């Protein structure tokens, strides 16, 4: 609870400071904004197992506008809508379009249904999860409104199954005290270094496949280690039953009647929950 209060206090204070500071100090403060509150926990405690904030005691005076809405659009595309009005479409390819054009689109070049080189020009920020420069990693370090966006790259299987370095990005969105992760088109199990870079994830969007991505056993091991409060399956409905069979009584499974869920720090499930959107059933 103390850590929860600290994150909330730091987030609130960071929003108030620019108005109190002079222009030079405000610019310096702005330059320091891109600091991960989720990753900092991982870096300070090597090889830790990260506990979620599920069941945290609500803070007196916390506003209802700390709610983030996540809507499953299809395949690996979710629409994330933040309290500050930022809208983000994950793995945007143009095949599955949100009801309104997002402000931010994240993409992975691991597969054609996860990216497009001709996005709608009205999308303000198009974030590639790969680098077009050989030997370089994609590096996302961006604050849009109330949301800090960063990435952790992973390898993929390229032509003829050969590994292709850093072709996928796990995108992480930090907003309203929540750490939200989208695993993208994940082909290999994560290393200790990956878990350290990722840090804490309260909410994770996980690809269910078993063919083009990873098998249910491997993917379930990742989810169990991340220990996120809320798990949102995506990608392929057909292998869903096999994926869910990998989880015992430590996880609740909820079959939703719709595709949207509202989440805040205070409403995270007390027990890890796999929330299956209607479009994944």
Foldseek 3Di string as FASTA:
>chain_A
DVLLVVLLVVLVVLVVPLVVDDPVVNVVSVVPPLDDPQLVVLVVDAPDQDAALAPPDDDPPDDPLQKWKWFDQAAQWIWIAGSQGAIETFLDQPPGADPDHGQEYEAFPLDNSRHHPDDDPNRNYYAYQADPDPPDGGFQFDDDGQKTKTWDFQWFQDPPRHIDGRRGIWIWIAGSNATEIERGQAADADDSVRCSRSGAHQEYEFEADCPRHHRLLRRLVNCVRNNHLEYEYHHALPCVVVNVVNDDPQEAEAEDPARMDMDHSNPRHNGRYYYYHNNSD
